[in-house]
N, C-alpha and C. Protein backbone atom coordinates (compact mmCIF):
# COMPACT_ATOMS: atom_id res chain seq x y z
N MET A 1 -4.80 -24.30 -3.34
CA MET A 1 -4.17 -23.23 -2.69
C MET A 1 -5.28 -22.42 -1.88
N ASN A 2 -4.98 -22.02 -0.81
CA ASN A 2 -5.92 -21.34 0.14
C ASN A 2 -5.83 -19.79 -0.17
N LYS A 3 -6.88 -19.20 0.33
CA LYS A 3 -7.14 -17.71 0.02
C LYS A 3 -5.83 -16.79 0.43
N LYS A 4 -5.33 -17.26 1.64
CA LYS A 4 -4.24 -16.42 2.20
C LYS A 4 -3.12 -16.53 1.26
N ARG A 5 -2.73 -17.74 0.71
CA ARG A 5 -1.50 -17.75 -0.01
C ARG A 5 -1.77 -16.94 -1.43
N ILE A 6 -3.01 -17.21 -2.02
CA ILE A 6 -3.45 -16.52 -3.25
C ILE A 6 -3.27 -15.00 -3.12
N PHE A 7 -3.82 -14.46 -1.98
CA PHE A 7 -3.84 -13.12 -1.77
C PHE A 7 -2.25 -12.52 -1.70
N VAL A 8 -1.55 -13.32 -0.87
CA VAL A 8 -0.01 -12.82 -0.63
C VAL A 8 0.70 -12.89 -1.90
N ASN A 9 0.55 -13.93 -2.70
CA ASN A 9 1.18 -13.96 -4.00
C ASN A 9 0.77 -12.94 -5.01
N LYS A 10 -0.45 -12.76 -5.19
CA LYS A 10 -0.90 -11.81 -6.08
C LYS A 10 -0.65 -10.43 -5.56
N PHE A 11 -0.72 -10.02 -4.32
CA PHE A 11 -0.58 -8.72 -3.85
C PHE A 11 1.01 -8.27 -3.94
N LEU A 12 1.85 -9.27 -3.54
CA LEU A 12 3.27 -9.01 -3.57
C LEU A 12 3.67 -8.71 -5.04
N LEU A 13 3.24 -9.56 -5.99
CA LEU A 13 3.52 -9.34 -7.29
C LEU A 13 3.08 -7.88 -7.66
N SER A 14 1.98 -7.60 -7.37
CA SER A 14 1.37 -6.29 -7.81
C SER A 14 2.05 -5.20 -7.21
N VAL A 15 2.43 -5.20 -5.95
CA VAL A 15 3.29 -4.25 -5.22
C VAL A 15 4.61 -4.04 -6.09
N MET A 16 5.27 -5.21 -6.29
CA MET A 16 6.53 -5.08 -6.97
C MET A 16 6.44 -4.45 -8.44
N LEU A 17 5.39 -4.74 -9.06
CA LEU A 17 5.13 -4.22 -10.34
C LEU A 17 4.78 -2.69 -10.38
N ILE A 18 3.91 -2.35 -9.43
CA ILE A 18 3.71 -0.83 -9.33
C ILE A 18 4.92 -0.04 -8.89
N MET A 19 5.60 -0.55 -7.82
CA MET A 19 6.90 0.14 -7.45
C MET A 19 7.80 0.20 -8.65
N SER A 20 7.85 -0.88 -9.45
CA SER A 20 8.93 -0.88 -10.53
C SER A 20 8.61 0.26 -11.59
N ILE A 21 7.30 0.24 -11.92
CA ILE A 21 6.79 1.14 -12.90
C ILE A 21 7.05 2.59 -12.32
N TYR A 22 6.76 2.88 -11.13
CA TYR A 22 6.96 4.25 -10.47
C TYR A 22 8.34 4.64 -10.53
N LEU A 23 9.28 3.67 -10.11
CA LEU A 23 10.56 4.02 -9.99
C LEU A 23 11.42 4.13 -11.48
N SER A 24 10.73 3.35 -12.53
CA SER A 24 11.20 3.55 -13.91
C SER A 24 10.85 4.85 -14.37
N LEU A 25 9.58 5.42 -13.99
CA LEU A 25 9.15 6.63 -14.42
C LEU A 25 9.95 7.77 -13.86
N VAL A 26 10.21 7.58 -12.68
CA VAL A 26 11.26 8.53 -11.91
C VAL A 26 12.59 8.53 -12.61
N GLY A 27 13.14 7.30 -12.85
CA GLY A 27 14.38 7.13 -13.49
C GLY A 27 14.57 7.81 -14.89
N LEU A 28 13.35 7.90 -15.55
CA LEU A 28 13.46 8.34 -16.92
C LEU A 28 13.06 9.85 -16.92
N ASN A 29 12.99 10.44 -15.59
CA ASN A 29 12.63 11.77 -15.32
C ASN A 29 11.28 12.29 -16.01
N LEU A 30 10.30 11.42 -15.94
CA LEU A 30 9.01 11.62 -16.37
C LEU A 30 8.20 12.14 -15.25
N LEU A 31 8.62 12.04 -13.96
CA LEU A 31 8.02 12.40 -12.75
C LEU A 31 8.90 13.27 -12.10
N PRO A 32 8.43 14.56 -11.59
CA PRO A 32 9.29 15.55 -11.09
C PRO A 32 9.75 15.27 -9.61
N ILE A 33 10.57 14.39 -9.36
CA ILE A 33 10.96 14.15 -8.05
C ILE A 33 12.27 13.55 -7.93
N ASP A 34 13.04 13.83 -6.88
CA ASP A 34 14.33 13.31 -6.69
C ASP A 34 14.31 11.77 -6.63
N LYS A 35 15.34 11.05 -7.28
CA LYS A 35 15.41 9.69 -7.25
C LYS A 35 15.47 9.06 -5.86
N GLY A 36 16.34 9.62 -5.13
CA GLY A 36 16.42 9.21 -3.78
C GLY A 36 15.16 9.22 -2.84
N THR A 37 14.45 10.37 -3.04
CA THR A 37 13.19 10.61 -2.27
C THR A 37 12.06 9.59 -2.84
N ALA A 38 12.10 9.41 -4.18
CA ALA A 38 11.21 8.42 -4.67
C ALA A 38 11.46 6.99 -4.27
N SER A 39 12.76 6.69 -4.22
CA SER A 39 13.01 5.37 -3.66
C SER A 39 12.57 5.07 -2.14
N TYR A 40 12.78 6.16 -1.38
CA TYR A 40 12.35 6.19 0.04
C TYR A 40 10.90 6.00 0.19
N LEU A 41 10.22 6.88 -0.79
CA LEU A 41 8.74 6.80 -0.67
C LEU A 41 8.17 5.43 -1.03
N ALA A 42 8.74 4.86 -2.14
CA ALA A 42 8.36 3.52 -2.54
C ALA A 42 8.61 2.55 -1.49
N LEU A 43 9.72 2.71 -0.75
CA LEU A 43 10.04 1.75 0.24
C LEU A 43 9.01 1.88 1.52
N LEU A 44 8.79 3.04 1.79
CA LEU A 44 7.85 3.26 3.03
C LEU A 44 6.48 2.88 2.71
N VAL A 45 6.00 3.14 1.40
CA VAL A 45 4.51 2.68 1.10
C VAL A 45 4.55 1.12 1.06
N SER A 46 5.52 0.56 0.40
CA SER A 46 5.65 -0.94 0.50
C SER A 46 5.61 -1.60 1.80
N PHE A 47 6.39 -0.86 2.75
CA PHE A 47 6.48 -1.39 4.17
C PHE A 47 5.05 -1.20 4.87
N ILE A 48 4.30 -0.16 4.59
CA ILE A 48 3.02 -0.09 5.14
C ILE A 48 2.11 -1.15 4.70
N PHE A 49 2.18 -1.47 3.41
CA PHE A 49 1.28 -2.51 2.94
C PHE A 49 1.80 -3.92 3.27
N LEU A 50 3.08 -4.18 3.49
CA LEU A 50 3.55 -5.45 3.90
C LEU A 50 3.09 -5.84 5.35
N ILE A 51 3.20 -4.63 6.22
CA ILE A 51 2.45 -4.80 7.51
C ILE A 51 1.01 -5.04 7.53
N GLY A 52 0.35 -4.50 6.57
CA GLY A 52 -0.99 -4.70 6.37
C GLY A 52 -1.35 -6.14 6.03
N MET A 53 -0.47 -6.81 5.39
CA MET A 53 -0.77 -8.15 5.01
C MET A 53 -0.65 -8.96 6.20
N LEU A 54 0.18 -8.70 7.31
CA LEU A 54 0.26 -9.51 8.43
C LEU A 54 -1.06 -9.32 9.19
N ILE A 55 -1.88 -8.12 9.04
CA ILE A 55 -3.17 -7.90 9.71
C ILE A 55 -4.22 -8.77 9.01
N ILE A 56 -4.29 -8.66 7.75
CA ILE A 56 -5.40 -9.22 6.99
C ILE A 56 -5.33 -10.68 6.53
N ALA A 57 -4.13 -11.18 6.30
CA ALA A 57 -4.06 -12.57 5.65
C ALA A 57 -4.51 -13.64 6.55
N PRO A 58 -4.30 -13.53 7.79
CA PRO A 58 -4.89 -14.75 8.70
C PRO A 58 -6.46 -14.69 8.72
N SER A 59 -7.08 -13.73 8.43
CA SER A 59 -8.49 -13.62 8.52
C SER A 59 -9.14 -14.06 7.21
N LEU A 60 -8.38 -14.34 6.18
CA LEU A 60 -8.99 -14.72 4.83
C LEU A 60 -9.56 -16.06 4.85
N ASN A 61 -9.03 -16.89 5.77
CA ASN A 61 -9.56 -18.28 5.74
C ASN A 61 -10.72 -18.46 6.83
N LYS A 62 -10.98 -17.44 7.55
CA LYS A 62 -12.03 -17.48 8.53
C LYS A 62 -13.37 -17.03 8.03
N ASP A 63 -14.33 -16.86 9.06
CA ASP A 63 -15.66 -16.56 8.51
C ASP A 63 -15.73 -15.00 8.18
N SER A 64 -16.80 -14.68 7.51
CA SER A 64 -16.81 -13.27 6.95
C SER A 64 -16.86 -12.17 7.97
N GLU A 65 -17.34 -12.40 9.21
CA GLU A 65 -17.38 -11.42 10.24
C GLU A 65 -15.85 -11.03 10.73
N LYS A 66 -15.09 -12.12 10.94
CA LYS A 66 -13.65 -11.92 11.15
C LYS A 66 -13.02 -11.13 10.06
N PHE A 67 -13.33 -11.47 8.90
CA PHE A 67 -12.54 -10.80 7.75
C PHE A 67 -12.99 -9.31 7.68
N ILE A 68 -14.20 -9.02 7.90
CA ILE A 68 -14.80 -7.62 7.73
C ILE A 68 -14.05 -6.88 8.88
N LEU A 69 -14.04 -7.28 10.09
CA LEU A 69 -13.38 -6.61 11.23
C LEU A 69 -11.89 -6.44 10.98
N SER A 70 -11.16 -7.43 10.40
CA SER A 70 -9.80 -7.13 10.07
C SER A 70 -9.53 -6.24 8.85
N PHE A 71 -10.48 -6.29 7.96
CA PHE A 71 -10.44 -5.38 6.74
C PHE A 71 -10.50 -3.87 7.27
N LEU A 72 -11.47 -3.66 8.21
CA LEU A 72 -11.65 -2.41 8.82
C LEU A 72 -10.51 -1.93 9.68
N LEU A 73 -9.97 -2.79 10.49
CA LEU A 73 -8.78 -2.51 11.20
C LEU A 73 -7.61 -2.17 10.31
N LEU A 74 -7.45 -2.93 9.36
CA LEU A 74 -6.28 -2.68 8.24
C LEU A 74 -6.41 -1.42 7.61
N THR A 75 -7.48 -1.14 7.10
CA THR A 75 -7.75 0.23 6.44
C THR A 75 -7.43 1.42 7.31
N THR A 76 -8.04 1.23 8.66
CA THR A 76 -7.90 2.28 9.52
C THR A 76 -6.48 2.49 10.06
N VAL A 77 -5.75 1.49 10.23
CA VAL A 77 -4.40 1.46 10.59
C VAL A 77 -3.57 2.12 9.39
N GLN A 78 -3.82 1.70 8.31
CA GLN A 78 -2.96 2.13 7.12
C GLN A 78 -3.27 3.62 6.90
N MET A 79 -4.49 4.08 7.06
CA MET A 79 -4.83 5.54 6.79
C MET A 79 -4.22 6.38 7.96
N LEU A 80 -4.25 5.88 9.14
CA LEU A 80 -3.70 6.60 10.23
C LEU A 80 -2.19 6.70 10.00
N ILE A 81 -1.56 5.65 9.70
CA ILE A 81 -0.09 5.79 9.51
C ILE A 81 0.38 6.76 8.34
N VAL A 82 -0.51 6.84 7.27
CA VAL A 82 -0.28 7.68 6.11
C VAL A 82 -0.53 9.12 6.59
N LEU A 83 -1.54 9.42 7.25
CA LEU A 83 -1.87 10.67 7.72
C LEU A 83 -0.83 11.29 8.71
N GLY A 84 -0.24 10.39 9.52
CA GLY A 84 0.77 10.66 10.51
C GLY A 84 2.02 11.07 9.78
N ILE A 85 2.44 10.31 8.69
CA ILE A 85 3.63 10.54 8.00
C ILE A 85 3.40 11.91 7.14
N VAL A 86 2.25 12.08 6.55
CA VAL A 86 2.10 13.34 6.00
C VAL A 86 2.30 14.57 6.87
N GLY A 87 1.69 14.35 8.09
CA GLY A 87 1.78 15.45 9.10
C GLY A 87 3.20 15.58 9.56
N ILE A 88 3.94 14.66 9.51
CA ILE A 88 5.45 14.74 10.02
C ILE A 88 6.12 15.47 8.83
N ILE A 89 5.83 15.10 7.55
CA ILE A 89 6.45 15.85 6.51
C ILE A 89 6.17 17.31 6.44
N ILE A 90 4.85 17.62 6.79
CA ILE A 90 4.44 19.08 6.87
C ILE A 90 5.17 19.74 7.96
N VAL A 91 5.21 19.21 9.18
CA VAL A 91 5.75 19.85 10.28
C VAL A 91 7.30 20.12 10.24
N LEU A 92 7.98 19.12 9.47
CA LEU A 92 9.50 19.20 9.31
C LEU A 92 9.82 20.26 8.31
N LYS A 93 8.83 20.67 7.54
CA LYS A 93 8.99 21.63 6.46
C LYS A 93 10.05 21.31 5.44
N ILE A 94 9.92 20.01 5.03
CA ILE A 94 10.79 19.58 4.03
C ILE A 94 10.57 20.22 2.67
N GLU A 95 11.66 20.27 2.00
CA GLU A 95 11.67 21.03 0.71
C GLU A 95 10.84 20.21 -0.33
N ASN A 96 9.99 20.85 -1.13
CA ASN A 96 9.16 20.21 -2.05
C ASN A 96 8.11 19.31 -1.44
N VAL A 97 7.65 19.98 -0.39
CA VAL A 97 6.51 19.06 0.45
C VAL A 97 5.31 18.67 -0.42
N LYS A 98 4.86 19.56 -1.33
CA LYS A 98 3.80 19.26 -2.00
C LYS A 98 3.97 18.11 -3.13
N VAL A 99 5.07 18.15 -3.70
CA VAL A 99 5.38 17.01 -4.68
C VAL A 99 5.60 15.79 -4.02
N ILE A 100 6.29 15.70 -2.78
CA ILE A 100 6.47 14.51 -2.04
C ILE A 100 5.19 14.07 -1.47
N GLY A 101 4.30 14.80 -0.97
CA GLY A 101 3.04 14.56 -0.48
C GLY A 101 2.15 13.84 -1.59
N PHE A 102 2.10 14.53 -2.82
CA PHE A 102 1.25 14.04 -3.86
C PHE A 102 1.68 12.63 -4.31
N HIS A 103 3.06 12.40 -4.40
CA HIS A 103 3.60 11.19 -4.82
C HIS A 103 3.36 10.19 -3.76
N PHE A 104 3.43 10.38 -2.42
CA PHE A 104 3.21 9.53 -1.39
C PHE A 104 1.73 9.12 -1.47
N LEU A 105 0.82 10.10 -1.53
CA LEU A 105 -0.58 9.84 -1.47
C LEU A 105 -1.19 9.08 -2.73
N ALA A 106 -0.41 9.34 -3.89
CA ALA A 106 -0.72 8.65 -5.17
C ALA A 106 -0.42 7.12 -4.96
N LEU A 107 0.77 6.86 -4.53
CA LEU A 107 1.27 5.52 -4.39
C LEU A 107 0.31 4.78 -3.43
N PHE A 108 0.10 5.44 -2.34
CA PHE A 108 -0.74 4.81 -1.21
C PHE A 108 -2.27 4.44 -1.70
N CYS A 109 -2.72 5.44 -2.37
CA CYS A 109 -4.20 5.27 -2.96
C CYS A 109 -4.21 4.27 -4.01
N SER A 110 -3.35 4.18 -4.97
CA SER A 110 -3.22 3.19 -5.85
C SER A 110 -3.12 1.75 -5.30
N LEU A 111 -2.15 1.51 -4.23
CA LEU A 111 -2.10 0.27 -3.59
C LEU A 111 -3.19 -0.10 -2.68
N LEU A 112 -3.86 1.00 -2.20
CA LEU A 112 -5.11 0.74 -1.21
C LEU A 112 -6.16 0.29 -2.07
N PHE A 113 -6.46 0.82 -3.37
CA PHE A 113 -7.53 0.39 -4.18
C PHE A 113 -7.13 -1.08 -4.57
N LEU A 114 -5.91 -1.37 -4.92
CA LEU A 114 -5.47 -2.66 -5.55
C LEU A 114 -5.75 -3.62 -4.27
N GLN A 115 -5.21 -3.31 -3.23
CA GLN A 115 -5.48 -4.32 -2.03
C GLN A 115 -6.93 -4.66 -1.74
N SER A 116 -7.76 -3.50 -1.80
CA SER A 116 -9.13 -3.72 -1.45
C SER A 116 -9.79 -4.56 -2.56
N PHE A 117 -9.45 -4.33 -3.87
CA PHE A 117 -9.89 -5.08 -4.91
C PHE A 117 -9.63 -6.44 -4.88
N LEU A 118 -8.32 -6.81 -4.63
CA LEU A 118 -7.83 -8.29 -4.52
C LEU A 118 -8.57 -8.92 -3.21
N LEU A 119 -8.56 -8.15 -2.19
CA LEU A 119 -9.29 -8.88 -0.96
C LEU A 119 -10.65 -9.17 -1.16
N ILE A 120 -11.50 -8.28 -1.72
CA ILE A 120 -12.86 -8.54 -2.08
C ILE A 120 -12.99 -9.71 -3.14
N LYS A 121 -12.19 -9.63 -4.22
CA LYS A 121 -12.24 -10.69 -5.23
C LYS A 121 -11.86 -11.91 -4.64
N ILE A 122 -10.78 -12.12 -3.73
CA ILE A 122 -10.23 -13.40 -3.36
C ILE A 122 -11.18 -13.89 -2.15
N ASN A 123 -11.76 -13.12 -1.35
CA ASN A 123 -12.67 -13.47 -0.23
C ASN A 123 -14.07 -14.06 -0.87
N LYS A 124 -14.44 -13.82 -2.06
CA LYS A 124 -15.59 -14.39 -2.73
C LYS A 124 -15.25 -15.74 -3.22
N LEU A 125 -13.93 -16.07 -3.38
CA LEU A 125 -13.67 -17.50 -3.66
C LEU A 125 -14.14 -18.51 -2.85
N SER A 126 -14.52 -19.58 -3.19
CA SER A 126 -14.86 -20.62 -2.26
C SER A 126 -13.69 -21.42 -1.86
N ALA A 127 -13.44 -21.68 -0.54
CA ALA A 127 -12.18 -22.16 -0.06
C ALA A 127 -12.27 -23.85 -0.16
């Protein structure tokens, strides 16, 4: 199995697991956010990372320089998208903006950490 396939399989499984746990906690009313808003946030964050897989996955089987450039591009694009979305949420003056912002950033940061960890771990594998 090549590095690209290993990363895609492990990361998709991890995203589904994290989003399932998050939505379960919201469903049990352990997190103070509307269920519809939480579902929308989970879908939005998942979409950001699925687009990120399109950027990084092809470079996993290439040399390390191309991987590093793709990794930097990926991280930059994802962070700019998130900052833009947070800015839009603030400008629109949506109700409970703090709660929504914290949930969005918490989901994003946890998946960003997981993505970076998996990329570094899988890139060290010999193909």
